[in-house]
Amino acid sequence: MGETAAVVRRLDGLGRLVLPSELLRTMDVRPGDPFELFVDQDQIVLRKYQPGCIFCGRRGDLISFQNKRVCRECLAALAAAT
């Protein structure tokens, strides 16, 4: 994970952080965009949510089929099984 300039923010009383608008523009984030939060060792990771393959979770090389995202590898496995 590449790191650039650090920005320090404090949590408010409700546990919220305000993200700098320049960061949001850089990451093409708009109001209402979904995010996922998870813990990776000693870090809290926040990233823009991008659904993966419904079968294996892979995020690359996806095809939309009946409003579901499927990777080409799983699609090939499904085709071979039928």
N, C-alpha and C. Protein backbone atom coordinates (compact mmCIF):
# COMPACT_ATOMS: atom_id res chain seq x y z
N MET A 1 0.85 -1.17 0.00
CA MET A 1 0.00 0.00 0.00
C MET A 1 0.90 1.23 0.00
N GLY A 2 0.81 2.08 -1.01
CA GLY A 2 1.66 3.25 -1.09
C GLY A 2 1.22 4.33 -0.12
N GLU A 3 2.19 5.04 0.42
CA GLU A 3 1.88 6.11 1.35
C GLU A 3 2.38 7.42 0.77
N THR A 4 1.60 8.49 0.99
CA THR A 4 2.01 9.82 0.58
C THR A 4 1.98 10.71 1.82
N ALA A 5 1.69 11.96 1.66
CA ALA A 5 1.65 12.89 2.78
C ALA A 5 0.58 12.48 3.78
N ALA A 6 0.93 12.53 5.05
CA ALA A 6 -0.01 12.16 6.11
C ALA A 6 -0.87 13.35 6.49
N VAL A 7 -2.11 13.10 6.82
CA VAL A 7 -3.03 14.11 7.33
C VAL A 7 -3.52 13.60 8.67
N VAL A 8 -3.44 14.43 9.69
CA VAL A 8 -3.88 14.04 11.03
C VAL A 8 -5.25 14.65 11.29
N ARG A 9 -6.18 13.82 11.69
CA ARG A 9 -7.53 14.26 12.05
C ARG A 9 -7.90 13.63 13.39
N ARG A 10 -8.73 14.33 14.15
CA ARG A 10 -9.21 13.80 15.43
C ARG A 10 -10.64 13.30 15.27
N LEU A 11 -10.96 12.25 16.00
CA LEU A 11 -12.33 11.75 16.05
C LEU A 11 -13.19 12.75 16.80
N ASP A 12 -14.43 12.92 16.36
CA ASP A 12 -15.34 13.75 17.14
C ASP A 12 -15.99 12.89 18.22
N GLY A 13 -16.89 13.45 18.96
CA GLY A 13 -17.53 12.75 20.07
C GLY A 13 -18.36 11.54 19.65
N LEU A 14 -18.72 11.46 18.38
CA LEU A 14 -19.50 10.33 17.86
C LEU A 14 -18.64 9.32 17.11
N GLY A 15 -17.31 9.51 17.16
CA GLY A 15 -16.41 8.57 16.50
C GLY A 15 -16.23 8.81 15.02
N ARG A 16 -16.55 10.02 14.54
CA ARG A 16 -16.46 10.33 13.11
C ARG A 16 -15.16 11.05 12.78
N LEU A 17 -14.71 10.86 11.55
CA LEU A 17 -13.57 11.58 10.99
C LEU A 17 -14.05 12.38 9.80
N VAL A 18 -13.48 13.55 9.61
CA VAL A 18 -13.76 14.34 8.40
C VAL A 18 -12.57 14.15 7.47
N LEU A 19 -12.85 13.69 6.25
CA LEU A 19 -11.79 13.48 5.27
C LEU A 19 -11.61 14.75 4.45
N PRO A 20 -10.38 15.13 4.16
CA PRO A 20 -10.13 16.35 3.37
C PRO A 20 -10.76 16.25 1.98
N SER A 21 -11.36 17.36 1.52
CA SER A 21 -12.04 17.36 0.22
C SER A 21 -11.07 17.04 -0.92
N GLU A 22 -9.81 17.47 -0.83
CA GLU A 22 -8.84 17.17 -1.89
C GLU A 22 -8.61 15.66 -2.00
N LEU A 23 -8.56 14.99 -0.87
CA LEU A 23 -8.41 13.53 -0.86
C LEU A 23 -9.62 12.87 -1.52
N LEU A 24 -10.80 13.36 -1.21
CA LEU A 24 -12.02 12.80 -1.79
C LEU A 24 -12.05 13.00 -3.30
N ARG A 25 -11.64 14.17 -3.76
CA ARG A 25 -11.59 14.42 -5.21
C ARG A 25 -10.56 13.51 -5.88
N THR A 26 -9.40 13.38 -5.25
CA THR A 26 -8.34 12.54 -5.81
C THR A 26 -8.79 11.10 -5.96
N MET A 27 -9.57 10.61 -5.01
CA MET A 27 -10.03 9.22 -5.02
C MET A 27 -11.37 9.06 -5.72
N ASP A 28 -11.89 10.13 -6.33
CA ASP A 28 -13.18 10.11 -7.03
C ASP A 28 -14.29 9.59 -6.12
N VAL A 29 -14.36 10.18 -4.92
CA VAL A 29 -15.38 9.80 -3.94
C VAL A 29 -16.49 10.84 -3.97
N ARG A 30 -17.72 10.35 -3.99
CA ARG A 30 -18.89 11.23 -4.02
C ARG A 30 -19.79 10.89 -2.84
N PRO A 31 -20.62 11.86 -2.42
CA PRO A 31 -21.56 11.57 -1.33
C PRO A 31 -22.39 10.33 -1.64
N GLY A 32 -22.52 9.46 -0.68
CA GLY A 32 -23.30 8.23 -0.84
C GLY A 32 -22.49 7.04 -1.29
N ASP A 33 -21.22 7.23 -1.70
CA ASP A 33 -20.39 6.10 -2.11
C ASP A 33 -20.16 5.16 -0.93
N PRO A 34 -20.25 3.85 -1.15
CA PRO A 34 -20.02 2.90 -0.06
C PRO A 34 -18.53 2.69 0.21
N PHE A 35 -18.20 2.46 1.46
CA PHE A 35 -16.83 2.16 1.88
C PHE A 35 -16.83 0.90 2.71
N GLU A 36 -15.68 0.26 2.77
CA GLU A 36 -15.52 -0.87 3.67
C GLU A 36 -14.40 -0.55 4.65
N LEU A 37 -14.58 -0.99 5.87
CA LEU A 37 -13.61 -0.82 6.94
C LEU A 37 -13.19 -2.18 7.44
N PHE A 38 -11.90 -2.35 7.65
CA PHE A 38 -11.44 -3.61 8.24
C PHE A 38 -10.13 -3.37 8.96
N VAL A 39 -9.73 -4.32 9.77
CA VAL A 39 -8.49 -4.24 10.52
C VAL A 39 -7.47 -5.13 9.85
N ASP A 40 -6.27 -4.60 9.63
CA ASP A 40 -5.15 -5.33 9.05
C ASP A 40 -3.99 -5.18 10.02
N GLN A 41 -3.77 -6.20 10.82
CA GLN A 41 -2.77 -6.19 11.90
C GLN A 41 -3.07 -5.02 12.84
N ASP A 42 -2.25 -3.97 12.84
CA ASP A 42 -2.46 -2.86 13.77
C ASP A 42 -3.01 -1.61 13.08
N GLN A 43 -3.62 -1.79 11.90
CA GLN A 43 -4.14 -0.65 11.14
C GLN A 43 -5.64 -0.81 10.88
N ILE A 44 -6.34 0.31 10.91
CA ILE A 44 -7.72 0.35 10.46
C ILE A 44 -7.67 0.82 9.02
N VAL A 45 -8.21 0.02 8.11
CA VAL A 45 -8.16 0.33 6.68
C VAL A 45 -9.54 0.76 6.21
N LEU A 46 -9.57 1.86 5.49
CA LEU A 46 -10.79 2.39 4.90
C LEU A 46 -10.56 2.43 3.40
N ARG A 47 -11.44 1.78 2.64
CA ARG A 47 -11.30 1.84 1.19
C ARG A 47 -12.66 1.87 0.53
N LYS A 48 -12.68 2.48 -0.66
CA LYS A 48 -13.90 2.56 -1.43
C LYS A 48 -14.34 1.14 -1.78
N TYR A 49 -15.59 0.85 -1.54
CA TYR A 49 -16.10 -0.50 -1.76
C TYR A 49 -16.24 -0.79 -3.24
N GLN A 50 -15.69 -1.90 -3.66
CA GLN A 50 -15.84 -2.39 -5.02
C GLN A 50 -16.16 -3.87 -4.92
N PRO A 51 -17.41 -4.25 -5.19
CA PRO A 51 -17.78 -5.65 -5.04
C PRO A 51 -16.95 -6.55 -5.95
N GLY A 52 -16.65 -7.73 -5.45
CA GLY A 52 -15.89 -8.70 -6.21
C GLY A 52 -16.78 -9.78 -6.78
N CYS A 53 -16.16 -10.81 -7.32
CA CYS A 53 -16.87 -11.96 -7.88
C CYS A 53 -17.76 -12.58 -6.81
N ILE A 54 -18.99 -12.89 -7.18
CA ILE A 54 -19.92 -13.46 -6.20
C ILE A 54 -19.49 -14.85 -5.74
N PHE A 55 -18.61 -15.51 -6.47
CA PHE A 55 -18.17 -16.86 -6.10
C PHE A 55 -16.86 -16.87 -5.33
N CYS A 56 -15.86 -16.15 -5.82
CA CYS A 56 -14.53 -16.24 -5.20
C CYS A 56 -14.07 -14.93 -4.55
N GLY A 57 -14.76 -13.82 -4.81
CA GLY A 57 -14.40 -12.55 -4.22
C GLY A 57 -13.33 -11.77 -4.98
N ARG A 58 -12.76 -12.38 -6.02
CA ARG A 58 -11.72 -11.70 -6.81
C ARG A 58 -12.25 -10.38 -7.34
N ARG A 59 -11.39 -9.36 -7.39
CA ARG A 59 -11.82 -8.03 -7.79
C ARG A 59 -11.42 -7.64 -9.20
N GLY A 60 -10.60 -8.42 -9.85
CA GLY A 60 -10.14 -8.05 -11.19
C GLY A 60 -10.82 -8.86 -12.27
N ASP A 61 -10.88 -8.29 -13.47
CA ASP A 61 -11.39 -8.99 -14.66
C ASP A 61 -12.81 -9.51 -14.44
N LEU A 62 -13.71 -8.62 -14.05
CA LEU A 62 -15.09 -9.01 -13.74
C LEU A 62 -16.03 -8.71 -14.90
N ILE A 63 -17.05 -9.55 -15.02
CA ILE A 63 -18.10 -9.40 -16.01
C ILE A 63 -19.41 -9.28 -15.24
N SER A 64 -20.28 -8.40 -15.70
CA SER A 64 -21.59 -8.28 -15.08
C SER A 64 -22.55 -9.25 -15.78
N PHE A 65 -23.17 -10.14 -15.00
CA PHE A 65 -24.13 -11.10 -15.54
C PHE A 65 -25.36 -11.07 -14.66
N GLN A 66 -26.48 -10.65 -15.21
CA GLN A 66 -27.75 -10.53 -14.48
C GLN A 66 -27.55 -9.76 -13.17
N ASN A 67 -26.88 -8.61 -13.29
CA ASN A 67 -26.60 -7.70 -12.17
C ASN A 67 -25.73 -8.33 -11.08
N LYS A 68 -24.99 -9.35 -11.41
CA LYS A 68 -24.02 -9.96 -10.50
C LYS A 68 -22.65 -9.87 -11.14
N ARG A 69 -21.61 -9.69 -10.32
CA ARG A 69 -20.25 -9.61 -10.84
C ARG A 69 -19.59 -10.98 -10.70
N VAL A 70 -19.07 -11.48 -11.83
CA VAL A 70 -18.44 -12.80 -11.90
C VAL A 70 -17.10 -12.64 -12.61
N CYS A 71 -16.03 -13.25 -12.05
CA CYS A 71 -14.74 -13.18 -12.72
C CYS A 71 -14.72 -14.19 -13.87
N ARG A 72 -13.82 -13.98 -14.80
CA ARG A 72 -13.76 -14.84 -15.99
C ARG A 72 -13.40 -16.28 -15.62
N GLU A 73 -12.59 -16.44 -14.58
CA GLU A 73 -12.20 -17.80 -14.17
C GLU A 73 -13.41 -18.57 -13.66
N CYS A 74 -14.22 -17.95 -12.81
CA CYS A 74 -15.41 -18.63 -12.30
C CYS A 74 -16.44 -18.83 -13.40
N LEU A 75 -16.53 -17.88 -14.32
CA LEU A 75 -17.44 -18.01 -15.45
C LEU A 75 -17.05 -19.23 -16.30
N ALA A 76 -15.76 -19.39 -16.53
CA ALA A 76 -15.27 -20.56 -17.29
C ALA A 76 -15.57 -21.84 -16.55
N ALA A 77 -15.39 -21.85 -15.22
CA ALA A 77 -15.69 -23.05 -14.43
C ALA A 77 -17.17 -23.38 -14.48
N LEU A 78 -18.03 -22.35 -14.45
CA LEU A 78 -19.47 -22.58 -14.56
C LEU A 78 -19.84 -23.15 -15.92
N ALA A 79 -19.24 -22.62 -16.96
CA ALA A 79 -19.53 -23.10 -18.30
C ALA A 79 -19.09 -24.55 -18.47
N ALA A 80 -17.94 -24.90 -17.87
CA ALA A 80 -17.44 -26.28 -17.97
C ALA A 80 -18.32 -27.25 -17.17
N ALA A 81 -18.97 -26.76 -16.13
CA ALA A 81 -19.79 -27.63 -15.28
C ALA A 81 -21.16 -27.92 -15.88
N THR A 82 -21.55 -27.15 -16.89
CA THR A 82 -22.89 -27.36 -17.46
C THR A 82 -22.84 -28.19 -18.71
